[in-house]
PDB file of N, CA and C in Angstrom:
ATOM      1  N   MET A   1      18.651  68.185 171.119  1.00  0.00           N
ATOM      2  CA  MET A   1      17.592  67.530 170.271  1.00  0.00           C
ATOM      3  C   MET A   1      16.024  67.494 170.991  1.00  0.00           C
ATOM      4  N   LEU A   2      16.115  67.218 172.253  1.00  0.00           N
ATOM      5  CA  LEU A   2      15.150  67.389 173.117  1.00  0.00           C
ATOM      6  C   LEU A   2      14.408  68.534 173.283  1.00  0.00           C
ATOM      7  N   LYS A   3      15.313  69.496 173.257  1.00  0.00           N
ATOM      8  CA  LYS A   3      14.841  70.880 173.651  1.00  0.00           C
ATOM      9  C   LYS A   3      14.138  71.275 172.287  1.00  0.00           C
ATOM     10  N   ILE A   4      14.510  70.961 171.065  1.00  0.00           N
ATOM     11  CA  ILE A   4      13.933  71.437 169.788  1.00  0.00           C
ATOM     12  C   ILE A   4      12.651  70.785 169.824  1.00  0.00           C
ATOM     13  N   ASP A   5      12.415  69.582 170.171  1.00  0.00           N
ATOM     14  CA  ASP A   5      11.227  68.681 170.205  1.00  0.00           C
ATOM     15  C   ASP A   5      10.189  69.271 171.113  1.00  0.00           C
ATOM     16  N   VAL A   6      10.502  69.741 172.195  1.00  0.00           N
ATOM     17  CA  VAL A   6       9.766  70.517 173.231  1.00  0.00           C
ATOM     18  C   VAL A   6       9.321  71.762 172.531  1.00  0.00           C
ATOM     19  N   GLN A   7      10.075  72.495 172.105  1.00  0.00           N
ATOM     20  CA  GLN A   7       9.763  73.976 171.284  1.00  0.00           C
ATOM     21  C   GLN A   7       8.710  73.599 170.267  1.00  0.00           C
ATOM     22  N   ILE A   8       8.992  72.674 169.432  1.00  0.00           N
ATOM     23  CA  ILE A   8       8.004  72.223 168.089  1.00  0.00           C
ATOM     24  C   ILE A   8       6.440  71.787 169.020  1.00  0.00           C
ATOM     25  N   GLU A   9       6.615  70.994 169.905  1.00  0.00           N
ATOM     26  CA  GLU A   9       5.445  70.603 170.679  1.00  0.00           C
ATOM     27  C   GLU A   9       4.571  71.990 171.277  1.00  0.00           C
ATOM     28  N   LYS A  10       5.469  72.590 171.785  1.00  0.00           N
ATOM     29  CA  LYS A  10       4.962  74.059 172.394  1.00  0.00           C
ATOM     30  C   LYS A  10       3.966  74.853 171.229  1.00  0.00           C
ATOM     31  N   PHE A  11       4.851  74.952 170.229  1.00  0.00           N
ATOM     32  CA  PHE A  11       4.180  75.763 169.000  1.00  0.00           C
ATOM     33  C   PHE A  11       3.048  74.958 168.489  1.00  0.00           C
ATOM     34  N   ARG A  12       3.148  73.544 168.541  1.00  0.00           N
ATOM     35  CA  ARG A  12       1.824  72.925 168.095  1.00  0.00           C
ATOM     36  C   ARG A  12       0.764  73.211 169.083  1.00  0.00           C
ATOM     37  N   ILE A  13       0.848  73.122 170.214  1.00  0.00           N
ATOM     38  CA  ILE A  13       0.232  73.459 171.386  1.00  0.00           C
ATOM     39  C   ILE A  13      -0.683  74.682 171.246  1.00  0.00           C
ATOM     40  N   GLU A  14       0.287  75.565 170.910  1.00  0.00           N
ATOM     41  CA  GLU A  14      -0.336  77.182 170.950  1.00  0.00           C
ATOM     42  C   GLU A  14      -1.248  77.153 169.818  1.00  0.00           C
ATOM     43  N   LYS A  15      -0.656  76.573 168.694  1.00  0.00           N
ATOM     44  CA  LYS A  15      -1.406  76.624 167.371  1.00  0.00           C
ATOM     45  C   LYS A  15      -2.935  75.962 167.409  1.00  0.00           C
ATOM     46  N   VAL A  16      -2.855  74.833 168.040  1.00  0.00           N
ATOM     47  CA  VAL A  16      -4.224  74.117 168.531  1.00  0.00           C
ATOM     48  C   VAL A  16      -5.073  74.992 169.404  1.00  0.00           C
ATOM     49  N   GLN A  17      -4.435  75.567 170.137  1.00  0.00           N
ATOM     50  CA  GLN A  17      -5.044  76.509 171.374  1.00  0.00           C
ATOM     51  C   GLN A  17      -5.782  77.638 170.583  1.00  0.00           C
ATOM     52  N   LYS A  18      -4.983  78.200 169.628  1.00  0.00           N
ATOM     53  CA  LYS A  18      -5.413  79.386 168.691  1.00  0.00           C
ATOM     54  C   LYS A  18      -6.653  78.975 167.994  1.00  0.00           C
ATOM     55  N   GLU A  19      -6.220  77.841 167.214  1.00  0.00           N
ATOM     56  CA  GLU A  19      -7.453  77.370 166.544  1.00  0.00           C
ATOM     57  C   GLU A  19      -8.723  77.000 167.405  1.00  0.00           C
ATOM     58  N   ALA A  20      -8.628  76.538 168.553  1.00  0.00           N
ATOM     59  CA  ALA A  20      -9.743  76.254 169.319  1.00  0.00           C
ATOM     60  C   ALA A  20     -10.474  77.209 169.897  1.00  0.00           C
ATOM     61  N   LYS A  21      -9.577  78.400 170.129  1.00  0.00           N
ATOM     62  CA  LYS A  21     -10.167  79.918 170.648  1.00  0.00           C
ATOM     63  C   LYS A  21     -10.941  80.303 169.406  1.00  0.00           C
ATOM     64  N   ILE A  22     -10.500  80.230 168.058  1.00  0.00           N
ATOM     65  CA  ILE A  22     -11.159  80.584 166.936  1.00  0.00           C
ATOM     66  C   ILE A  22     -12.512  79.913 166.792  1.00  0.00           C
ATOM     67  N   THR A  23     -12.280  78.633 166.806  1.00  0.00           N
ATOM     68  CA  THR A  23     -13.480  77.757 166.763  1.00  0.00           C
ATOM     69  C   THR A  23     -14.548  77.852 167.872  1.00  0.00           C
ATOM     70  N   ARG A  24     -14.406  78.162 168.998  1.00  0.00           N
ATOM     71  CA  ARG A  24     -15.159  78.562 170.140  1.00  0.00           C
ATOM     72  C   ARG A  24     -15.641  80.079 169.921  1.00  0.00           C
ATOM     73  N   LYS A  25     -14.946  80.737 169.394  1.00  0.00           N
ATOM     74  CA  LYS A  25     -15.802  82.289 169.009  1.00  0.00           C
ATOM     75  C   LYS A  25     -16.842  82.047 167.691  1.00  0.00           C
ATOM     76  N   ASP A  26     -16.328  81.308 166.888  1.00  0.00           N
ATOM     77  CA  ASP A  26     -17.100  80.971 165.598  1.00  0.00           C
ATOM     78  C   ASP A  26     -18.355  80.319 166.066  1.00  0.00           C
ATOM     79  N   LEU A  27     -18.392  79.354 167.080  1.00  0.00           N
ATOM     80  CA  LEU A  27     -19.302  78.525 167.667  1.00  0.00           C
ATOM     81  C   LEU A  27     -20.224  79.619 168.201  1.00  0.00           C
ATOM     82  N   ARG A  28     -19.752  80.657 169.120  1.00  0.00           N
ATOM     83  CA  ARG A  28     -20.431  81.504 169.735  1.00  0.00           C
ATOM     84  C   ARG A  28     -21.236  82.290 168.753  1.00  0.00           C
ATOM     85  N   ASP A  29     -20.629  82.795 167.791  1.00  0.00           N
ATOM     86  CA  ASP A  29     -21.122  83.797 166.806  1.00  0.00           C
ATOM     87  C   ASP A  29     -22.297  83.032 166.109  1.00  0.00           C
ATOM     88  N   LEU A  30     -22.203  81.623 165.752  1.00  0.00           N
ATOM     89  CA  LEU A  30     -23.293  80.772 165.177  1.00  0.00           C
ATOM     90  C   LEU A  30     -24.283  80.548 165.879  1.00  0.00           C
ATOM     91  N   ASN A  31     -23.981  80.540 167.340  1.00  0.00           N
ATOM     92  CA  ASN A  31     -25.257  80.520 168.222  1.00  0.00           C
ATOM     93  C   ASN A  31     -25.939  81.778 168.391  1.00  0.00           C
ATOM     94  N   LEU A  32     -25.325  82.778 168.480  1.00  0.00           N
ATOM     95  CA  LEU A  32     -26.000  84.020 168.346  1.00  0.00           C
ATOM     96  C   LEU A  32     -26.853  84.225 167.128  1.00  0.00           C
ATOM     97  N   LYS A  33     -26.268  84.087 165.962  1.00  0.00           N
ATOM     98  CA  LYS A  33     -27.079  84.055 164.588  1.00  0.00           C
ATOM     99  C   LYS A  33     -28.520  83.273 164.737  1.00  0.00           C
ATOM    100  N   ASN A  34     -28.306  82.052 165.274  1.00  0.00           N
ATOM    101  CA  ASN A  34     -29.134  81.096 165.366  1.00  0.00           C
ATOM    102  C   ASN A  34     -30.218  81.361 166.336  1.00  0.00           C
ATOM    103  N   LYS A  35     -29.808  82.152 167.389  1.00  0.00           N
ATOM    104  CA  LYS A  35     -31.158  82.615 168.203  1.00  0.00           C
ATOM    105  C   LYS A  35     -31.768  83.810 167.457  1.00  0.00           C
ATOM    106  N   LYS A  36     -30.960  84.621 166.751  1.00  0.00           N
ATOM    107  CA  LYS A  36     -31.533  85.700 166.103  1.00  0.00           C
ATOM    108  C   LYS A  36     -32.426  85.194 165.062  1.00  0.00           C
ATOM    109  N   LEU A  37     -32.164  84.415 164.330  1.00  0.00           N
ATOM    110  CA  LEU A  37     -32.909  83.834 163.324  1.00  0.00           C
ATOM    111  C   LEU A  37     -34.242  83.009 163.937  1.00  0.00           C
ATOM    112  N   ARG A  38     -34.010  82.360 164.913  1.00  0.00           N
ATOM    113  CA  ARG A  38     -35.127  81.908 165.495  1.00  0.00           C
ATOM    114  C   ARG A  38     -36.214  82.836 166.029  1.00  0.00           C
ATOM    115  N   ARG A  39     -35.649  84.134 166.524  1.00  0.00           N
ATOM    116  CA  ARG A  39     -36.523  85.078 166.976  1.00  0.00           C
ATOM    117  C   ARG A  39     -37.265  85.661 165.962  1.00  0.00           C
ATOM    118  N   THR A  40     -36.646  85.841 164.833  1.00  0.00           N
ATOM    119  CA  THR A  40     -37.187  86.471 163.726  1.00  0.00           C
ATOM    120  C   THR A  40     -37.976  85.793 163.034  1.00  0.00           C
ATOM    121  N   ILE A  41     -37.922  84.167 163.065  1.00  0.00           N
ATOM    122  CA  ILE A  41     -39.136  83.465 162.427  1.00  0.00           C
ATOM    123  C   ILE A  41     -40.072  83.426 163.102  1.00  0.00           C
ATOM    124  N   LYS A  42     -40.056  83.526 164.697  1.00  0.00           N
ATOM    125  CA  LYS A  42     -41.226  83.375 165.649  1.00  0.00           C
ATOM    126  C   LYS A  42     -41.847  84.716 165.355  1.00  0.00           C
ATOM    127  N   ASN A  43     -41.180  85.855 165.584  1.00  0.00           N
ATOM    128  CA  ASN A  43     -41.933  87.011 165.433  1.00  0.00           C
ATOM    129  C   ASN A  43     -42.589  87.433 163.828  1.00  0.00           C
ATOM    130  N   SER A  44     -42.173  86.675 162.902  1.00  0.00           N
ATOM    131  CA  SER A  44     -42.563  87.021 161.565  1.00  0.00           C
ATOM    132  C   SER A  44     -43.625  85.936 161.380  1.00  0.00           C
ATOM    133  N   GLY A  45     -43.823  85.008 161.929  1.00  0.00           N
ATOM    134  CA  GLY A  45     -44.828  84.097 161.825  1.00  0.00           C
ATOM    135  C   GLY A  45     -44.565  82.914 161.025  1.00  0.00           C
ATOM    136  N   LEU A  46     -43.218  82.684 160.472  1.00  0.00           N
ATOM    137  CA  LEU A  46     -42.753  81.700 159.745  1.00  0.00           C
ATOM    138  C   LEU A  46     -42.686  80.446 160.322  1.00  0.00           C
ATOM    139  N   GLY A  47     -42.696  80.370 161.777  1.00  0.00           N
ATOM    140  CA  GLY A  47     -42.556  79.237 162.520  1.00  0.00           C
ATOM    141  C   GLY A  47     -43.889  78.668 162.790  1.00  0.00           C
ATOM    142  N   LYS A  48     -44.878  78.943 162.263  1.00  0.00           N
ATOM    143  CA  LYS A  48     -46.287  78.140 162.405  1.00  0.00           C
ATOM    144  C   LYS A  48     -46.273  76.769 161.850  1.00  0.00           C
ATOM    145  N   SER A  49     -47.150  76.021 162.688  1.00  0.00           N
ATOM    146  CA  SER A  49     -47.417  74.590 162.438  1.00  0.00           C
ATOM    147  C   SER A  49     -48.159  74.584 161.149  1.00  0.00           C
ATOM    148  N   SER A  50     -48.335  73.369 160.577  1.00  0.00           N
ATOM    149  CA  SER A  50     -49.127  73.415 159.375  1.00  0.00           C
ATOM    150  C   SER A  50     -50.450  73.329 159.737  1.00  0.00           C
ATOM    151  N   THR A  51     -50.988  73.176 160.732  1.00  0.00           N
ATOM    152  CA  THR A  51     -52.418  73.374 161.067  1.00  0.00           C
ATOM    153  C   THR A  51     -52.604  75.084 161.078  1.00  0.00           C
ATOM    154  N   GLU A  52     -51.725  75.634 161.781  1.00  0.00           N
ATOM    155  CA  GLU A  52     -51.996  77.103 161.857  1.00  0.00           C
ATOM    156  C   GLU A  52     -51.732  77.713 160.189  1.00  0.00           C
ATOM    157  N   TRP A  53     -50.997  77.118 159.415  1.00  0.00           N
ATOM    158  CA  TRP A  53     -50.801  77.413 157.992  1.00  0.00           C
ATOM    159  C   TRP A  53     -52.145  77.158 157.481  1.00  0.00           C
ATOM    160  N   LYS A  54     -52.786  76.197 157.630  1.00  0.00           N
ATOM    161  CA  LYS A  54     -54.094  75.565 156.941  1.00  0.00           C
ATOM    162  C   LYS A  54     -55.204  76.623 157.480  1.00  0.00           C
ATOM    163  N   GLU A  55     -55.196  76.940 158.645  1.00  0.00           N
ATOM    164  CA  GLU A  55     -56.087  78.151 159.176  1.00  0.00           C
ATOM    165  C   GLU A  55     -55.858  79.504 158.699  1.00  0.00           C
ATOM    166  N   GLU A  56     -54.728  79.827 158.361  1.00  0.00           N
ATOM    167  CA  GLU A  56     -54.368  81.150 157.696  1.00  0.00           C
ATOM    168  C   GLU A  56     -54.829  80.872 156.450  1.00  0.00           C
ATOM    169  N   LEU A  57     -54.652  80.004 155.649  1.00  0.00           N
ATOM    170  CA  LEU A  57     -54.901  79.955 154.372  1.00  0.00           C
ATOM    171  C   LEU A  57     -56.656  79.808 153.983  1.00  0.00           C
ATOM    172  N   SER A  58     -57.174  79.200 155.138  1.00  0.00           N
ATOM    173  CA  SER A  58     -58.653  79.237 155.204  1.00  0.00           C
ATOM    174  C   SER A  58     -59.128  80.691 155.233  1.00  0.00           C
ATOM    175  N   ASN A  59     -58.453  81.344 156.085  1.00  0.00           N
ATOM    176  CA  ASN A  59     -58.762  82.544 156.413  1.00  0.00           C
ATOM    177  C   ASN A  59     -58.724  83.703 155.051  1.00  0.00           C
ATOM    178  N   ILE A  60     -57.667  83.294 154.669  1.00  0.00           N
ATOM    179  CA  ILE A  60     -57.362  84.161 153.324  1.00  0.00           C
ATOM    180  C   ILE A  60     -58.369  83.740 152.292  1.00  0.00           C
ATOM    181  N   LYS A  61     -58.653  82.386 151.894  1.00  0.00           N
ATOM    182  CA  LYS A  61     -59.807  82.121 151.178  1.00  0.00           C
ATOM    183  C   LYS A  61     -61.126  82.808 151.563  1.00  0.00           C
ATOM    184  N   ASP A  62     -61.445  82.609 152.921  1.00  0.00           N
ATOM    185  CA  ASP A  62     -62.777  83.322 153.430  1.00  0.00           C
ATOM    186  C   ASP A  62     -62.673  84.949 153.065  1.00  0.00           C
ATOM    187  N   LEU A  63     -61.367  85.575 153.226  1.00  0.00           N
ATOM    188  CA  LEU A  63     -61.407  87.033 152.703  1.00  0.00           C
ATOM    189  C   LEU A  63     -61.620  87.211 151.183  1.00  0.00           C
ATOM    190  N   GLU A  64     -61.013  86.233 150.494  1.00  0.00           N
ATOM    191  CA  GLU A  64     -61.257  86.454 149.041  1.00  0.00           C
ATOM    192  C   GLU A  64     -62.344  86.091 148.504  1.00  0.00           C
ATOM    193  N   ASN A  65     -63.084  85.132 149.174  1.00  0.00           N
ATOM    194  CA  ASN A  65     -64.484  84.908 148.715  1.00  0.00           C
ATOM    195  C   ASN A  65     -65.486  86.303 149.236  1.00  0.00           C
ATOM    196  N   ALA A  66     -65.301  86.860 150.307  1.00  0.00           N
ATOM    197  CA  ALA A  66     -65.984  88.080 150.698  1.00  0.00           C
ATOM    198  C   ALA A  66     -65.837  89.314 149.883  1.00  0.00           C
ATOM    199  N   LEU A  67     -64.511  89.385 149.739  1.00  0.00           N
ATOM    200  CA  LEU A  67     -64.015  90.681 148.529  1.00  0.00           C
ATOM    201  C   LEU A  67     -64.773  90.475 147.222  1.00  0.00           C
ATOM    202  N   GLN A  68     -64.679  89.174 146.827  1.00  0.00           N
ATOM    203  CA  GLN A  68     -65.257  88.794 145.275  1.00  0.00           C
ATOM    204  C   GLN A  68     -66.962  89.061 145.603  1.00  0.00           C
ATOM    205  N   ALA A  69     -67.633  88.689 146.752  1.00  0.00           N
ATOM    206  CA  ALA A  69     -68.990  89.052 146.864  1.00  0.00           C
ATOM    207  C   ALA A  69     -69.135  90.569 146.811  1.00  0.00           C
ATOM    208  N   HIS A  70     -68.331  91.280 147.479  1.00  0.00           N
ATOM    209  CA  HIS A  70     -68.374  93.111 147.756  1.00  0.00           C
ATOM    210  C   HIS A  70     -68.145  93.273 146.442  1.00  0.00           C
ATOM    211  N   GLN A  71     -67.149  92.991 145.560  1.00  0.00           N
ATOM    212  CA  GLN A  71     -66.901  93.359 144.190  1.00  0.00           C
ATOM    213  C   GLN A  71     -68.177  93.081 143.349  1.00  0.00           C
ATOM    214  N   GLN A  72     -68.991  92.007 143.569  1.00  0.00           N
ATOM    215  CA  GLN A  72     -69.933  91.585 142.836  1.00  0.00           C
ATOM    216  C   GLN A  72     -71.258  92.647 142.906  1.00  0.00           C
ATOM    217  N   HIS A  73     -71.254  93.001 144.249  1.00  0.00           N
ATOM    218  CA  HIS A  73     -72.353  93.867 144.673  1.00  0.00           C
ATOM    219  C   HIS A  73     -71.976  95.339 144.235  1.00  0.00           C
ATOM    220  N   LEU A  74     -70.865  95.709 144.198  1.00  0.00           N
ATOM    221  CA  LEU A  74     -70.275  97.161 143.642  1.00  0.00           C
ATOM    222  C   LEU A  74     -70.449  97.074 142.090  1.00  0.00           C
ATOM    223  N   ASP A  75     -70.276  95.829 141.414  1.00  0.00           N
ATOM    224  CA  ASP A  75     -70.450  96.006 139.905  1.00  0.00           C
ATOM    225  C   ASP A  75     -72.176  95.956 139.595  1.00  0.00           C
ATOM    226  N   ASN A  76     -72.839  95.570 140.447  1.00  0.00           N
ATOM    227  CA  ASN A  76     -74.239  95.611 140.468  1.00  0.00           C
ATOM    228  C   ASN A  76     -74.761  96.883 140.554  1.00  0.00           C
ATOM    229  N   LEU A  77     -74.133  97.508 141.774  1.00  0.00           N
ATOM    230  CA  LEU A  77     -74.530  98.888 141.952  1.00  0.00           C
ATOM    231  C   LEU A  77     -74.312  99.891 140.881  1.00  0.00           C
ATOM    232  N   LEU A  78     -73.094  99.700 140.191  1.00  0.00           N
ATOM    233  CA  LEU A  78     -72.442 100.565 139.211  1.00  0.00           C
ATOM    234  C   LEU A  78     -73.216 100.397 138.097  1.00  0.00           C
ATOM    235  N   LYS A  79     -73.739  99.203 137.671  1.00  0.00           N
ATOM    236  CA  LYS A  79     -74.822  98.813 136.581  1.00  0.00           C
ATOM    237  C   LYS A  79     -76.001  99.704 136.810  1.00  0.00           C
ATOM    238  N   ALA A  80     -76.541  99.469 137.708  1.00  0.00           N
ATOM    239  CA  ALA A  80     -77.793  99.904 138.096  1.00  0.00           C
ATOM    240  C   ALA A  80     -77.649 101.499 138.111  1.00  0.00           C
ATOM    241  N   LEU A  81     -76.526 102.105 138.443  1.00  0.00           N
ATOM    242  CA  LEU A  81     -76.534 103.600 138.628  1.00  0.00           C
ATOM    243  C   LEU A  81     -76.125 104.057 136.680  1.00  0.00           C
ATOM    244  N   GLU A  82     -75.487 103.158 136.119  1.00  0.00           N
ATOM    245  CA  GLU A  82     -75.344 103.605 134.617  1.00  0.00           C
ATOM    246  C   GLU A  82     -76.652 103.291 134.144  1.00  0.00           C
ATOM    247  N   GLU A  83     -77.483 102.524 134.308  1.00  0.00           N
ATOM    248  CA  GLU A  83     -78.762 102.303 134.038  1.00  0.00           C
ATOM    249  C   GLU A  83     -79.730 103.639 134.195  1.00  0.00           C
ATOM    250  N   LYS A  84     -79.726 104.191 135.412  1.00  0.00           N
ATOM    251  CA  LYS A  84     -80.326 105.271 135.768  1.00  0.00           C
ATOM    252  C   LYS A  84     -80.044 106.509 135.118  1.00  0.00           C
ATOM    253  N   ASN A  85     -78.443 106.557 135.083  1.00  0.00           N
ATOM    254  CA  ASN A  85     -78.108 107.812 134.440  1.00  0.00           C
ATOM    255  C   ASN A  85     -78.533 107.854 133.113  1.00  0.00           C
ATOM    256  N   ASP A  86     -78.591 106.741 132.294  1.00  0.00           N
ATOM    257  CA  ASP A  86     -78.822 106.654 131.013  1.00  0.00           C
ATOM    258  C   ASP A  86     -80.375 106.999 130.960  1.00  0.00           C
ATOM    259  N   GLN A  87     -81.307 106.666 132.036  1.00  0.00           N
ATOM    260  CA  GLN A  87     -82.605 106.941 131.791  1.00  0.00           C
ATOM    261  C   GLN A  87     -82.681 108.606 131.984  1.00  0.00           C
ATOM    262  N   HIS A  88     -81.819 109.033 133.092  1.00  0.00           N
ATOM    263  CA  HIS A  88     -81.907 110.537 133.339  1.00  0.00           C
ATOM    264  C   HIS A  88     -81.610 111.281 131.792  1.00  0.00           C
ATOM    265  N   ASP A  89     -80.542 110.774 131.158  1.00  0.00           N
ATOM    266  CA  ASP A  89     -80.243 111.467 129.893  1.00  0.00           C
ATOM    267  C   ASP A  89     -81.120 111.417 129.038  1.00  0.00           C
ATOM    268  N   ARG A  90     -82.010 110.200 128.902  1.00  0.00           N
ATOM    269  CA  ARG A  90     -83.210 110.273 127.873  1.00  0.00           C
ATOM    270  C   ARG A  90     -84.168 111.130 128.262  1.00  0.00           C
ATOM    271  N   ASN A  91     -84.612 111.198 129.654  1.00  0.00           N
ATOM    272  CA  ASN A  91     -85.556 112.126 130.108  1.00  0.00           C
ATOM    273  C   ASN A  91     -85.097 113.562 130.079  1.00  0.00           C
ATOM    274  N   ILE A  92     -83.832 113.888 130.180  1.00  0.00           N
ATOM    275  CA  ILE A  92     -83.400 115.346 129.773  1.00  0.00           C
ATOM    276  C   ILE A  92     -83.612 115.699 128.454  1.00  0.00           C
ATOM    277  N   ARG A  93     -83.049 114.949 127.585  1.00  0.00           N
ATOM    278  CA  ARG A  93     -83.587 115.033 126.086  1.00  0.00           C
ATOM    279  C   ARG A  93     -84.724 115.332 125.712  1.00  0.00           C
ATOM    280  N   ALA A  94     -85.524 114.336 126.228  1.00  0.00           N
ATOM    281  CA  ALA A  94     -87.116 114.466 126.038  1.00  0.00           C
ATOM    282  C   ALA A  94     -87.749 115.759 126.706  1.00  0.00           C
ATOM    283  N   TYR A  95     -87.214 116.206 128.097  1.00  0.00           N
ATOM    284  CA  TYR A  95     -87.644 117.509 128.564  1.00  0.00           C
ATOM    285  C   TYR A  95     -87.221 118.602 127.698  1.00  0.00           C
ATOM    286  N   GLU A  96     -85.903 118.495 127.140  1.00  0.00           N
ATOM    287  CA  GLU A  96     -85.352 119.397 126.242  1.00  0.00           C
ATOM    288  C   GLU A  96     -86.195 119.732 124.996  1.00  0.00           C
ATOM    289  N   LEU A  97     -86.571 118.561 124.397  1.00  0.00           N
ATOM    290  CA  LEU A  97     -87.460 118.731 123.096  1.00  0.00           C
ATOM    291  C   LEU A  97     -88.800 119.325 123.268  1.00  0.00           C
ATOM    292  N   ALA A  98     -89.379 118.811 124.584  1.00  0.00           N
ATOM    293  CA  ALA A  98     -90.649 119.323 125.019  1.00  0.00           C
ATOM    294  C   ALA A  98     -90.476 120.852 125.249  1.00  0.00           C
ATOM    295  N   LEU A  99     -89.670 121.318 125.708  1.00  0.00           N
ATOM    296  CA  LEU A  99     -89.302 122.733 126.076  1.00  0.00           C
ATOM    297  C   LEU A  99     -89.041 123.383 124.609  1.00  0.00           C
ATOM    298  N   GLN A 100     -88.392 122.860 123.958  1.00  0.00           N
ATOM    299  CA  GLN A 100     -88.422 123.576 122.602  1.00  0.00           C
ATOM    300  C   GLN A 100     -89.572 123.698 121.910  1.00  0.00           C
ATOM    301  N   GLU A 101     -90.361 122.587 121.969  1.00  0.00           N
ATOM    302  CA  GLU A 101     -91.684 122.783 121.221  1.00  0.00           C
ATOM    303  C   GLU A 101     -92.607 123.790 122.017  1.00  0.00           C
ATOM    304  N   LYS A 102     -92.504 123.723 123.196  1.00  0.00           N
ATOM    305  CA  LYS A 102     -93.318 124.766 124.136  1.00  0.00           C
ATOM    306  C   LYS A 102     -93.020 126.203 123.645  1.00  0.00           C
ATOM    307  N   ASP A 103     -91.632 126.433 123.727  1.00  0.00           N
ATOM    308  CA  ASP A 103     -90.992 127.675 123.399  1.00  0.00           C
ATOM    309  C   ASP A 103     -91.366 128.120 122.011  1.00  0.00           C
ATOM    310  N   MET A 104     -91.512 127.070 120.867  1.00  0.00           N
ATOM    311  CA  MET A 104     -92.003 127.407 119.657  1.00  0.00           C
ATOM    312  C   MET A 104     -93.321 127.673 119.534  1.00  0.00           C
ATOM    313  N   HIS A 105     -94.162 126.963 120.490  1.00  0.00           N
ATOM    314  CA  HIS A 105     -95.544 127.440 120.452  1.00  0.00           C
ATOM    315  C   HIS A 105     -95.914 128.659 121.079  1.00  0.00           C
ATOM    316  N   ILE A 106     -95.181 129.002 121.930  1.00  0.00           N
ATOM    317  CA  ILE A 106     -95.041 130.277 122.773  1.00  0.00           C
ATOM    318  C   ILE A 106     -94.982 131.306 121.837  1.00  0.00           C
ATOM    319  N   GLY A 107     -93.680 131.505 120.970  1.00  0.00           N
ATOM    320  CA  GLY A 107     -93.385 132.355 120.025  1.00  0.00           C
ATOM    321  C   GLY A 107     -94.327 132.481 119.069  1.00  0.00           C
ATOM    322  N   ARG A 108     -95.191 131.466 118.752  1.00  0.00           N
ATOM    323  CA  ARG A 108     -96.323 131.553 117.518  1.00  0.00           C
ATOM    324  C   ARG A 108     -97.384 132.190 118.129  1.00  0.00           C
ATOM    325  N   LEU A 109     -97.669 131.953 119.552  1.00  0.00           N
ATOM    326  CA  LEU A 109     -98.834 132.551 120.212  1.00  0.00           C
ATOM    327  C   LEU A 109     -98.439 134.166 120.180  1.00  0.00           C
ATOM    328  N   VAL A 110     -97.239 134.356 120.705  1.00  0.00           N
ATOM    329  CA  VAL A 110     -96.975 135.991 120.689  1.00  0.00           C
ATOM    330  C   VAL A 110     -97.202 136.463 119.511  1.00  0.00           C
ATOM    331  N   ASN A 111     -96.592 135.785 118.365  1.00  0.00           N
ATOM    332  CA  ASN A 111     -96.700 136.544 117.020  1.00  0.00           C
ATOM    333  C   ASN A 111     -98.205 136.450 116.601  1.00  0.00           C
ATOM    334  N   GLU A 112     -99.277 135.651 116.919  1.00  0.00           N
ATOM    335  CA  GLU A 112    -100.676 136.010 116.627  1.00  0.00           C
ATOM    336  C   GLU A 112    -101.099 136.991 117.668  1.00  0.00           C
ATOM    337  N   ILE A 113    -100.630 137.266 118.755  1.00  0.00           N
ATOM    338  CA  ILE A 113    -101.169 138.161 119.565  1.00  0.00           C
ATOM    339  C   ILE A 113    -100.809 139.539 119.137  1.00  0.00           C
ATOM    340  N   ARG A 114     -99.550 139.507 118.592  1.00  0.00           N
ATOM    341  CA  ARG A 114     -99.048 141.083 118.029  1.00  0.00           C
ATOM    342  C   ARG A 114     -99.864 141.217 116.700  1.00  0.00           C
ATOM    343  N   LYS A 115    -100.163 140.376 115.850  1.00  0.00           N
ATOM    344  CA  LYS A 115    -100.807 140.344 114.567  1.00  0.00           C
ATOM    345  C   LYS A 115    -102.270 140.944 114.996  1.00  0.00           C
ATOM    346  N   ALA A 116    -102.650 140.310 115.838  1.00  0.00           N
ATOM    347  CA  ALA A 116    -104.325 140.774 116.532  1.00  0.00           C
ATOM    348  C   ALA A 116    -104.242 142.075 116.997  1.00  0.00           C
ATOM    349  N   ALA A 117    -103.184 142.553 117.845  1.00  0.00           N
ATOM    350  CA  ALA A 117    -103.026 143.805 118.444  1.00  0.00           C
ATOM    351  C   ALA A 117    -102.733 145.015 117.357  1.00  0.00           C
ATOM    352  N   VAL A 118    -102.104 144.477 116.308  1.00  0.00           N
ATOM    353  CA  VAL A 118    -101.728 145.436 115.203  1.00  0.00           C
ATOM    354  C   VAL A 118    -103.507 145.718 114.555  1.00  0.00           C
ATOM    355  N   GLN A 119    -104.100 144.654 114.501  1.00  0.00           N
ATOM    356  CA  GLN A 119    -105.438 144.851 113.776  1.00  0.00           C
ATOM    357  C   GLN A 119    -106.354 145.663 114.696  1.00  0.00           C
ATOM    358  N   ILE A 120    -106.161 145.380 115.878  1.00  0.00           N
ATOM    359  CA  ILE A 120    -107.105 146.269 116.891  1.00  0.00           C
ATOM    360  C   ILE A 120    -106.758 147.465 116.736  1.00  0.00           C
ATOM    361  N   VAL A 121    -105.474 147.994 116.452  1.00  0.00           N
ATOM    362  CA  VAL A 121    -105.151 149.463 116.734  1.00  0.00           C
ATOM    363  C   VAL A 121    -105.235 150.082 115.574  1.00  0.00           C
TER     364      VAL A 121
END
């Protein structure tokens, strides 16, 4: 009977040793994953302090304000350009009308010259 008890105790010890070995391996794996995560957090900037995050947010707000100011400036330039374009279109129409009037006037003068030349000949 004693021999069986010893055998059972050996199996229990072996089982506990196997479980301990697995637990140590799992612990090593978890430590490695923890190190990798910490490295990733550090490299990605996620591990910043609240002061650093406030500074980041302030910088972002400053950039947004600058972007908005540039957008407003571009909108103003575009509006001015559209107004000049409209003025140029009006000028072109006016020049075309003036050119048509001058062309008709020249045509009438040419006709008068022809009539006068026919009378002279």
